[in-house]
Amino acid sequence: MSLLKVSDIGVRYSRLTAVRNVSFTLEEGEVLFITGPNGAGKSSLLRAIAGVTPPAGGRIDFAGRDITGLVPETIARLGLSMVPEGRDVFASLTIEENLMVGTGMHSGENGWRARAAAELETVYATFPILKERRHSQAGLLSGGNSRCW
């Protein structure tokens, strides 16, 4: 069973198509980087997966469950959330505090502190610059730095 399966997802803003028929499968332990120029639909795709923006079509499965169209809070409680970027970060919080916001969704689960610490270490291993700057205010990051997480 795939951890995340995105099938033919589309995102539209009125008449503008931001994402068209994107599909991929992500197995547990895999890392997927989504790159592209400004306006390519990267954030729109991630916002659809996290439930922030409703998809215009397609299906999203997480851990064997259809999460298409669920609200972000429900999706986050399942263990999938999106760390905001740019102007959407909590500017007065540190980088680490911003990263920890999503882990609070697991606070009712047994062992959530250990799980949150492990998730944070995974982020730091992937983006070492964030570990170096973890005590800095997130609002002071440049646009390029805030987009790396």
N, C-alpha and C. Protein backbone atom coordinates (compact mmCIF):
# COMPACT_ATOMS: atom_id res chain seq x y z
N MET A 1 0.84 -1.19 0.00
CA MET A 1 0.00 0.00 0.00
C MET A 1 0.89 1.25 0.00
N SER A 2 0.60 2.18 -0.86
CA SER A 2 1.33 3.43 -0.95
C SER A 2 0.95 4.34 0.21
N LEU A 3 1.92 5.14 0.66
CA LEU A 3 1.62 6.10 1.71
C LEU A 3 0.79 7.25 1.14
N LEU A 4 1.20 7.76 -0.01
CA LEU A 4 0.47 8.86 -0.65
C LEU A 4 0.33 8.54 -2.14
N LYS A 5 -0.89 8.58 -2.61
CA LYS A 5 -1.14 8.36 -4.04
C LYS A 5 -2.00 9.51 -4.54
N VAL A 6 -1.46 10.23 -5.50
CA VAL A 6 -2.15 11.36 -6.12
C VAL A 6 -2.47 10.95 -7.55
N SER A 7 -3.75 10.99 -7.89
CA SER A 7 -4.19 10.51 -9.21
C SER A 7 -4.94 11.59 -9.96
N ASP A 8 -4.36 12.05 -11.06
CA ASP A 8 -5.00 13.01 -11.97
C ASP A 8 -5.55 14.25 -11.27
N ILE A 9 -4.78 14.80 -10.33
CA ILE A 9 -5.25 15.98 -9.60
C ILE A 9 -5.19 17.22 -10.48
N GLY A 10 -6.23 18.01 -10.38
CA GLY A 10 -6.29 19.29 -11.04
C GLY A 10 -6.65 20.36 -10.03
N VAL A 11 -6.15 21.54 -10.22
CA VAL A 11 -6.50 22.68 -9.37
C VAL A 11 -6.82 23.85 -10.28
N ARG A 12 -7.95 24.48 -10.01
CA ARG A 12 -8.38 25.63 -10.80
C ARG A 12 -8.70 26.79 -9.88
N TYR A 13 -8.42 27.97 -10.36
CA TYR A 13 -8.82 29.21 -9.70
C TYR A 13 -9.67 29.95 -10.72
N SER A 14 -10.96 29.85 -10.58
CA SER A 14 -11.89 30.40 -11.55
C SER A 14 -11.61 29.76 -12.91
N ARG A 15 -11.24 30.55 -13.91
CA ARG A 15 -10.97 29.99 -15.25
C ARG A 15 -9.52 29.58 -15.45
N LEU A 16 -8.66 29.90 -14.47
CA LEU A 16 -7.24 29.60 -14.58
C LEU A 16 -6.94 28.18 -14.07
N THR A 17 -6.32 27.38 -14.90
CA THR A 17 -5.89 26.05 -14.49
C THR A 17 -4.47 26.16 -13.96
N ALA A 18 -4.29 25.85 -12.66
CA ALA A 18 -2.97 25.93 -12.03
C ALA A 18 -2.26 24.58 -12.06
N VAL A 19 -3.03 23.49 -11.98
CA VAL A 19 -2.47 22.13 -11.98
C VAL A 19 -3.36 21.29 -12.87
N ARG A 20 -2.73 20.51 -13.74
CA ARG A 20 -3.50 19.69 -14.67
C ARG A 20 -3.03 18.25 -14.63
N ASN A 21 -3.90 17.36 -14.18
CA ASN A 21 -3.68 15.90 -14.25
C ASN A 21 -2.34 15.44 -13.71
N VAL A 22 -2.01 15.84 -12.49
CA VAL A 22 -0.76 15.39 -11.86
C VAL A 22 -1.01 14.09 -11.12
N SER A 23 -0.12 13.12 -11.33
CA SER A 23 -0.20 11.83 -10.66
C SER A 23 1.17 11.41 -10.18
N PHE A 24 1.22 10.84 -8.98
CA PHE A 24 2.45 10.22 -8.48
C PHE A 24 2.08 9.34 -7.29
N THR A 25 2.98 8.45 -6.97
CA THR A 25 2.83 7.58 -5.81
C THR A 25 4.08 7.72 -4.96
N LEU A 26 3.87 7.83 -3.66
CA LEU A 26 4.97 7.98 -2.72
C LEU A 26 4.87 6.87 -1.69
N GLU A 27 5.90 6.05 -1.61
CA GLU A 27 5.94 4.96 -0.63
C GLU A 27 6.52 5.47 0.68
N GLU A 28 6.22 4.80 1.77
CA GLU A 28 6.76 5.20 3.07
C GLU A 28 8.29 5.18 3.00
N GLY A 29 8.91 6.23 3.53
CA GLY A 29 10.36 6.35 3.53
C GLY A 29 10.92 7.05 2.31
N GLU A 30 10.14 7.23 1.27
CA GLU A 30 10.61 7.94 0.09
C GLU A 30 10.49 9.44 0.29
N VAL A 31 11.32 10.16 -0.43
CA VAL A 31 11.28 11.62 -0.42
C VAL A 31 11.01 12.06 -1.85
N LEU A 32 10.10 13.00 -2.00
CA LEU A 32 9.76 13.53 -3.32
C LEU A 32 9.98 15.03 -3.30
N PHE A 33 10.75 15.53 -4.26
CA PHE A 33 10.94 16.96 -4.40
C PHE A 33 10.16 17.43 -5.61
N ILE A 34 9.41 18.48 -5.42
CA ILE A 34 8.62 19.05 -6.50
C ILE A 34 9.25 20.40 -6.83
N THR A 35 9.73 20.54 -8.04
CA THR A 35 10.41 21.77 -8.43
C THR A 35 9.76 22.36 -9.68
N GLY A 36 10.06 23.60 -9.91
CA GLY A 36 9.56 24.27 -11.11
C GLY A 36 9.62 25.76 -10.92
N PRO A 37 9.44 26.50 -11.99
CA PRO A 37 9.51 27.97 -11.91
C PRO A 37 8.29 28.54 -11.17
N ASN A 38 8.37 29.81 -10.83
CA ASN A 38 7.23 30.50 -10.22
C ASN A 38 6.01 30.33 -11.11
N GLY A 39 4.89 30.05 -10.49
CA GLY A 39 3.64 29.93 -11.24
C GLY A 39 3.41 28.57 -11.88
N ALA A 40 4.29 27.60 -11.60
CA ALA A 40 4.15 26.28 -12.22
C ALA A 40 3.08 25.42 -11.55
N GLY A 41 2.61 25.81 -10.36
CA GLY A 41 1.57 25.05 -9.69
C GLY A 41 2.05 24.21 -8.51
N LYS A 42 3.29 24.39 -8.09
CA LYS A 42 3.84 23.59 -6.98
C LYS A 42 3.04 23.79 -5.71
N SER A 43 2.87 25.02 -5.31
CA SER A 43 2.12 25.31 -4.07
C SER A 43 0.66 24.92 -4.21
N SER A 44 0.08 25.13 -5.37
CA SER A 44 -1.32 24.75 -5.57
C SER A 44 -1.50 23.24 -5.41
N LEU A 45 -0.56 22.47 -5.93
CA LEU A 45 -0.62 21.02 -5.78
C LEU A 45 -0.53 20.63 -4.31
N LEU A 46 0.44 21.19 -3.59
CA LEU A 46 0.60 20.86 -2.17
C LEU A 46 -0.60 21.31 -1.35
N ARG A 47 -1.16 22.46 -1.69
CA ARG A 47 -2.34 22.95 -0.97
C ARG A 47 -3.54 22.03 -1.21
N ALA A 48 -3.64 21.46 -2.39
CA ALA A 48 -4.73 20.52 -2.67
C ALA A 48 -4.54 19.23 -1.87
N ILE A 49 -3.32 18.74 -1.81
CA ILE A 49 -3.04 17.52 -1.05
C ILE A 49 -3.35 17.73 0.43
N ALA A 50 -2.99 18.89 0.97
CA ALA A 50 -3.21 19.19 2.38
C ALA A 50 -4.65 19.60 2.69
N GLY A 51 -5.48 19.75 1.67
CA GLY A 51 -6.88 20.10 1.89
C GLY A 51 -7.15 21.58 1.98
N VAL A 52 -6.14 22.40 1.74
CA VAL A 52 -6.30 23.85 1.83
C VAL A 52 -7.06 24.39 0.63
N THR A 53 -6.77 23.84 -0.54
CA THR A 53 -7.43 24.22 -1.78
C THR A 53 -8.15 23.00 -2.34
N PRO A 54 -9.44 23.09 -2.61
CA PRO A 54 -10.13 21.91 -3.13
C PRO A 54 -9.67 21.56 -4.55
N PRO A 55 -9.39 20.30 -4.80
CA PRO A 55 -9.00 19.92 -6.16
C PRO A 55 -10.18 20.02 -7.12
N ALA A 56 -9.88 20.33 -8.37
CA ALA A 56 -10.91 20.43 -9.40
C ALA A 56 -11.22 19.07 -10.01
N GLY A 57 -10.43 18.10 -9.65
CA GLY A 57 -10.63 16.74 -10.15
C GLY A 57 -9.54 15.84 -9.65
N GLY A 58 -9.74 14.56 -9.80
CA GLY A 58 -8.75 13.58 -9.37
C GLY A 58 -9.03 13.05 -7.98
N ARG A 59 -8.05 12.33 -7.45
CA ARG A 59 -8.20 11.66 -6.16
C ARG A 59 -6.88 11.68 -5.42
N ILE A 60 -6.97 11.81 -4.09
CA ILE A 60 -5.80 11.79 -3.21
C ILE A 60 -6.04 10.74 -2.14
N ASP A 61 -5.14 9.77 -2.06
CA ASP A 61 -5.22 8.74 -1.02
C ASP A 61 -4.01 8.87 -0.12
N PHE A 62 -4.25 8.81 1.19
CA PHE A 62 -3.17 8.85 2.18
C PHE A 62 -3.35 7.66 3.11
N ALA A 63 -2.33 6.82 3.18
CA ALA A 63 -2.34 5.62 4.03
C ALA A 63 -3.58 4.76 3.76
N GLY A 64 -3.91 4.64 2.47
CA GLY A 64 -5.03 3.78 2.08
C GLY A 64 -6.40 4.39 2.23
N ARG A 65 -6.48 5.67 2.58
CA ARG A 65 -7.77 6.34 2.78
C ARG A 65 -7.92 7.48 1.78
N ASP A 66 -9.10 7.58 1.19
CA ASP A 66 -9.40 8.69 0.28
C ASP A 66 -9.55 9.96 1.11
N ILE A 67 -8.66 10.93 0.89
CA ILE A 67 -8.73 12.19 1.63
C ILE A 67 -9.15 13.35 0.73
N THR A 68 -9.52 13.05 -0.50
CA THR A 68 -9.91 14.09 -1.45
C THR A 68 -11.05 14.92 -0.88
N GLY A 69 -10.83 16.21 -0.79
CA GLY A 69 -11.89 17.11 -0.36
C GLY A 69 -12.06 17.23 1.15
N LEU A 70 -11.28 16.49 1.96
CA LEU A 70 -11.38 16.64 3.41
C LEU A 70 -10.79 17.97 3.83
N VAL A 71 -11.23 18.50 4.96
CA VAL A 71 -10.70 19.77 5.46
C VAL A 71 -9.28 19.56 6.00
N PRO A 72 -8.46 20.62 5.99
CA PRO A 72 -7.07 20.49 6.43
C PRO A 72 -6.91 19.92 7.84
N GLU A 73 -7.81 20.27 8.76
CA GLU A 73 -7.68 19.79 10.13
C GLU A 73 -7.81 18.27 10.20
N THR A 74 -8.73 17.72 9.43
CA THR A 74 -8.93 16.28 9.40
C THR A 74 -7.72 15.59 8.78
N ILE A 75 -7.21 16.15 7.70
CA ILE A 75 -6.04 15.58 7.04
C ILE A 75 -4.83 15.65 7.96
N ALA A 76 -4.65 16.75 8.67
CA ALA A 76 -3.51 16.89 9.59
C ALA A 76 -3.61 15.88 10.72
N ARG A 77 -4.80 15.62 11.20
CA ARG A 77 -4.96 14.62 12.27
C ARG A 77 -4.58 13.22 11.79
N LEU A 78 -4.66 12.99 10.50
CA LEU A 78 -4.24 11.70 9.93
C LEU A 78 -2.72 11.63 9.81
N GLY A 79 -2.04 12.77 9.98
CA GLY A 79 -0.58 12.79 9.93
C GLY A 79 0.01 13.45 8.72
N LEU A 80 -0.80 14.14 7.94
CA LEU A 80 -0.31 14.82 6.74
C LEU A 80 -0.65 16.30 6.85
N SER A 81 0.37 17.14 6.83
CA SER A 81 0.11 18.58 6.91
C SER A 81 1.12 19.32 6.06
N MET A 82 0.87 20.59 5.89
CA MET A 82 1.70 21.43 5.05
C MET A 82 2.28 22.55 5.90
N VAL A 83 3.58 22.72 5.82
CA VAL A 83 4.23 23.83 6.51
C VAL A 83 4.10 25.04 5.60
N PRO A 84 3.56 26.14 6.12
CA PRO A 84 3.37 27.31 5.27
C PRO A 84 4.69 27.90 4.80
N GLU A 85 4.63 28.69 3.74
CA GLU A 85 5.81 29.33 3.16
C GLU A 85 5.62 30.82 3.08
N GLY A 86 6.72 31.50 2.89
CA GLY A 86 6.69 32.94 2.63
C GLY A 86 5.90 33.71 3.66
N ARG A 87 4.92 34.46 3.20
CA ARG A 87 4.13 35.32 4.09
C ARG A 87 3.16 34.53 4.95
N ASP A 88 3.01 33.23 4.71
CA ASP A 88 2.07 32.43 5.48
C ASP A 88 2.66 31.80 6.73
N VAL A 89 3.97 31.99 6.99
CA VAL A 89 4.55 31.46 8.22
C VAL A 89 4.10 32.32 9.39
N PHE A 90 4.22 31.77 10.60
CA PHE A 90 3.97 32.55 11.80
C PHE A 90 5.24 33.35 12.06
N ALA A 91 5.25 34.60 11.61
CA ALA A 91 6.46 35.42 11.56
C ALA A 91 7.11 35.61 12.92
N SER A 92 6.34 35.69 13.99
CA SER A 92 6.92 35.95 15.31
C SER A 92 7.44 34.69 15.98
N LEU A 93 7.11 33.52 15.43
CA LEU A 93 7.62 32.26 15.97
C LEU A 93 8.95 31.92 15.32
N THR A 94 9.73 31.08 16.00
CA THR A 94 10.99 30.64 15.41
C THR A 94 10.69 29.63 14.30
N ILE A 95 11.72 29.33 13.52
CA ILE A 95 11.58 28.32 12.47
C ILE A 95 11.14 27.01 13.10
N GLU A 96 11.78 26.62 14.19
CA GLU A 96 11.43 25.35 14.83
C GLU A 96 10.00 25.37 15.36
N GLU A 97 9.57 26.47 15.93
CA GLU A 97 8.18 26.55 16.42
C GLU A 97 7.20 26.42 15.26
N ASN A 98 7.51 27.02 14.12
CA ASN A 98 6.65 26.86 12.95
C ASN A 98 6.57 25.40 12.53
N LEU A 99 7.71 24.72 12.52
CA LEU A 99 7.72 23.31 12.15
C LEU A 99 6.95 22.45 13.15
N MET A 100 6.97 22.85 14.41
CA MET A 100 6.30 22.07 15.46
C MET A 100 4.78 22.26 15.47
N VAL A 101 4.28 23.29 14.82
CA VAL A 101 2.84 23.54 14.81
C VAL A 101 2.08 22.30 14.33
N GLY A 102 2.54 21.68 13.27
CA GLY A 102 1.87 20.50 12.73
C GLY A 102 1.93 19.29 13.65
N THR A 103 2.98 19.20 14.46
CA THR A 103 3.09 18.03 15.32
C THR A 103 2.10 18.06 16.47
N GLY A 104 1.57 19.22 16.80
CA GLY A 104 0.57 19.31 17.86
C GLY A 104 -0.70 18.55 17.53
N MET A 105 -0.92 18.28 16.26
CA MET A 105 -2.10 17.53 15.85
C MET A 105 -2.06 16.10 16.37
N HIS A 106 -0.85 15.62 16.73
CA HIS A 106 -0.70 14.25 17.22
C HIS A 106 -0.72 14.18 18.74
N SER A 107 -0.96 15.30 19.42
CA SER A 107 -0.78 15.36 20.86
C SER A 107 -1.68 14.40 21.64
N GLY A 108 -2.76 13.94 21.03
CA GLY A 108 -3.62 12.98 21.72
C GLY A 108 -3.15 11.54 21.58
N GLU A 109 -2.13 11.32 20.76
CA GLU A 109 -1.65 9.96 20.51
C GLU A 109 -0.55 9.59 21.49
N ASN A 110 -0.45 8.32 21.80
CA ASN A 110 0.65 7.83 22.62
C ASN A 110 1.95 7.98 21.86
N GLY A 111 2.98 8.44 22.55
CA GLY A 111 4.29 8.58 21.93
C GLY A 111 4.42 9.73 20.96
N TRP A 112 3.52 10.72 21.03
CA TRP A 112 3.55 11.79 20.04
C TRP A 112 4.81 12.63 20.13
N ARG A 113 5.37 12.80 21.33
CA ARG A 113 6.59 13.61 21.46
C ARG A 113 7.76 12.97 20.71
N ALA A 114 7.89 11.65 20.86
CA ALA A 114 8.98 10.95 20.15
C ALA A 114 8.76 11.01 18.64
N ARG A 115 7.50 10.87 18.23
CA ARG A 115 7.19 10.93 16.80
C ARG A 115 7.48 12.33 16.24
N ALA A 116 7.09 13.36 17.01
CA ALA A 116 7.33 14.74 16.57
C ALA A 116 8.83 15.01 16.47
N ALA A 117 9.61 14.53 17.44
CA ALA A 117 11.06 14.73 17.41
C ALA A 117 11.68 14.03 16.21
N ALA A 118 11.20 12.83 15.90
CA ALA A 118 11.72 12.09 14.75
C ALA A 118 11.38 12.81 13.45
N GLU A 119 10.16 13.34 13.34
CA GLU A 119 9.77 14.07 12.14
C GLU A 119 10.62 15.33 11.97
N LEU A 120 10.88 16.01 13.08
CA LEU A 120 11.69 17.22 13.03
C LEU A 120 13.11 16.89 12.58
N GLU A 121 13.68 15.81 13.08
CA GLU A 121 15.02 15.41 12.67
C GLU A 121 15.06 15.05 11.18
N THR A 122 13.99 14.47 10.67
CA THR A 122 13.93 14.17 9.24
C THR A 122 13.97 15.46 8.42
N VAL A 123 13.22 16.46 8.87
CA VAL A 123 13.23 17.76 8.17
C VAL A 123 14.63 18.36 8.22
N TYR A 124 15.26 18.32 9.39
CA TYR A 124 16.60 18.90 9.53
C TYR A 124 17.63 18.14 8.69
N ALA A 125 17.48 16.83 8.57
CA ALA A 125 18.40 16.06 7.75
C ALA A 125 18.24 16.42 6.28
N THR A 126 17.01 16.71 5.88
CA THR A 126 16.73 17.06 4.49
C THR A 126 17.13 18.50 4.18
N PHE A 127 16.91 19.39 5.15
CA PHE A 127 17.21 20.82 4.98
C PHE A 127 18.11 21.29 6.12
N PRO A 128 19.40 21.00 6.07
CA PRO A 128 20.31 21.34 7.18
C PRO A 128 20.32 22.83 7.54
N ILE A 129 20.08 23.70 6.58
CA ILE A 129 20.09 25.13 6.86
C ILE A 129 19.01 25.49 7.88
N LEU A 130 17.91 24.75 7.88
CA LEU A 130 16.85 25.03 8.85
C LEU A 130 17.30 24.68 10.26
N LYS A 131 18.08 23.62 10.39
CA LYS A 131 18.59 23.26 11.72
C LYS A 131 19.53 24.35 12.23
N GLU A 132 20.38 24.85 11.34
CA GLU A 132 21.31 25.92 11.72
C GLU A 132 20.57 27.16 12.19
N ARG A 133 19.42 27.43 11.57
CA ARG A 133 18.68 28.67 11.85
C ARG A 133 17.41 28.43 12.68
N ARG A 134 17.28 27.27 13.29
CA ARG A 134 16.03 26.88 13.96
C ARG A 134 15.56 27.85 15.04
N HIS A 135 16.48 28.61 15.65
CA HIS A 135 16.08 29.55 16.71
C HIS A 135 15.83 30.96 16.19
N SER A 136 15.95 31.15 14.87
CA SER A 136 15.69 32.46 14.26
C SER A 136 14.20 32.64 14.02
N GLN A 137 13.76 33.87 14.05
CA GLN A 137 12.36 34.15 13.74
C GLN A 137 12.08 33.80 12.29
N ALA A 138 11.02 33.09 12.05
CA ALA A 138 10.67 32.66 10.70
C ALA A 138 10.39 33.85 9.79
N GLY A 139 9.87 34.93 10.34
CA GLY A 139 9.56 36.10 9.54
C GLY A 139 10.78 36.81 8.98
N LEU A 140 11.97 36.46 9.49
CA LEU A 140 13.19 37.10 9.03
C LEU A 140 13.86 36.35 7.88
N LEU A 141 13.32 35.18 7.52
CA LEU A 141 13.89 34.42 6.42
C LEU A 141 13.63 35.14 5.10
N SER A 142 14.55 34.99 4.18
CA SER A 142 14.30 35.51 2.84
C SER A 142 13.26 34.63 2.16
N GLY A 143 12.68 35.10 1.08
CA GLY A 143 11.69 34.31 0.37
C GLY A 143 12.19 32.94 -0.06
N GLY A 144 13.43 32.88 -0.53
CA GLY A 144 14.00 31.61 -0.95
C GLY A 144 14.18 30.64 0.21
N ASN A 145 14.60 31.16 1.37
CA ASN A 145 14.76 30.29 2.54
C ASN A 145 13.43 29.78 3.04
N SER A 146 12.41 30.62 3.05
CA SER A 146 11.12 30.18 3.59
C SER A 146 10.44 29.17 2.69
N ARG A 147 10.85 29.14 1.42
CA ARG A 147 10.25 28.17 0.51
C ARG A 147 10.91 26.80 0.58
N CYS A 148 12.04 26.68 1.27
CA CYS A 148 12.72 25.40 1.32
C CYS A 148 12.10 24.50 2.37
N TRP A 149 11.08 24.93 3.04
CA TRP A 149 10.44 24.09 4.06
C TRP A 149 8.97 24.22 3.91
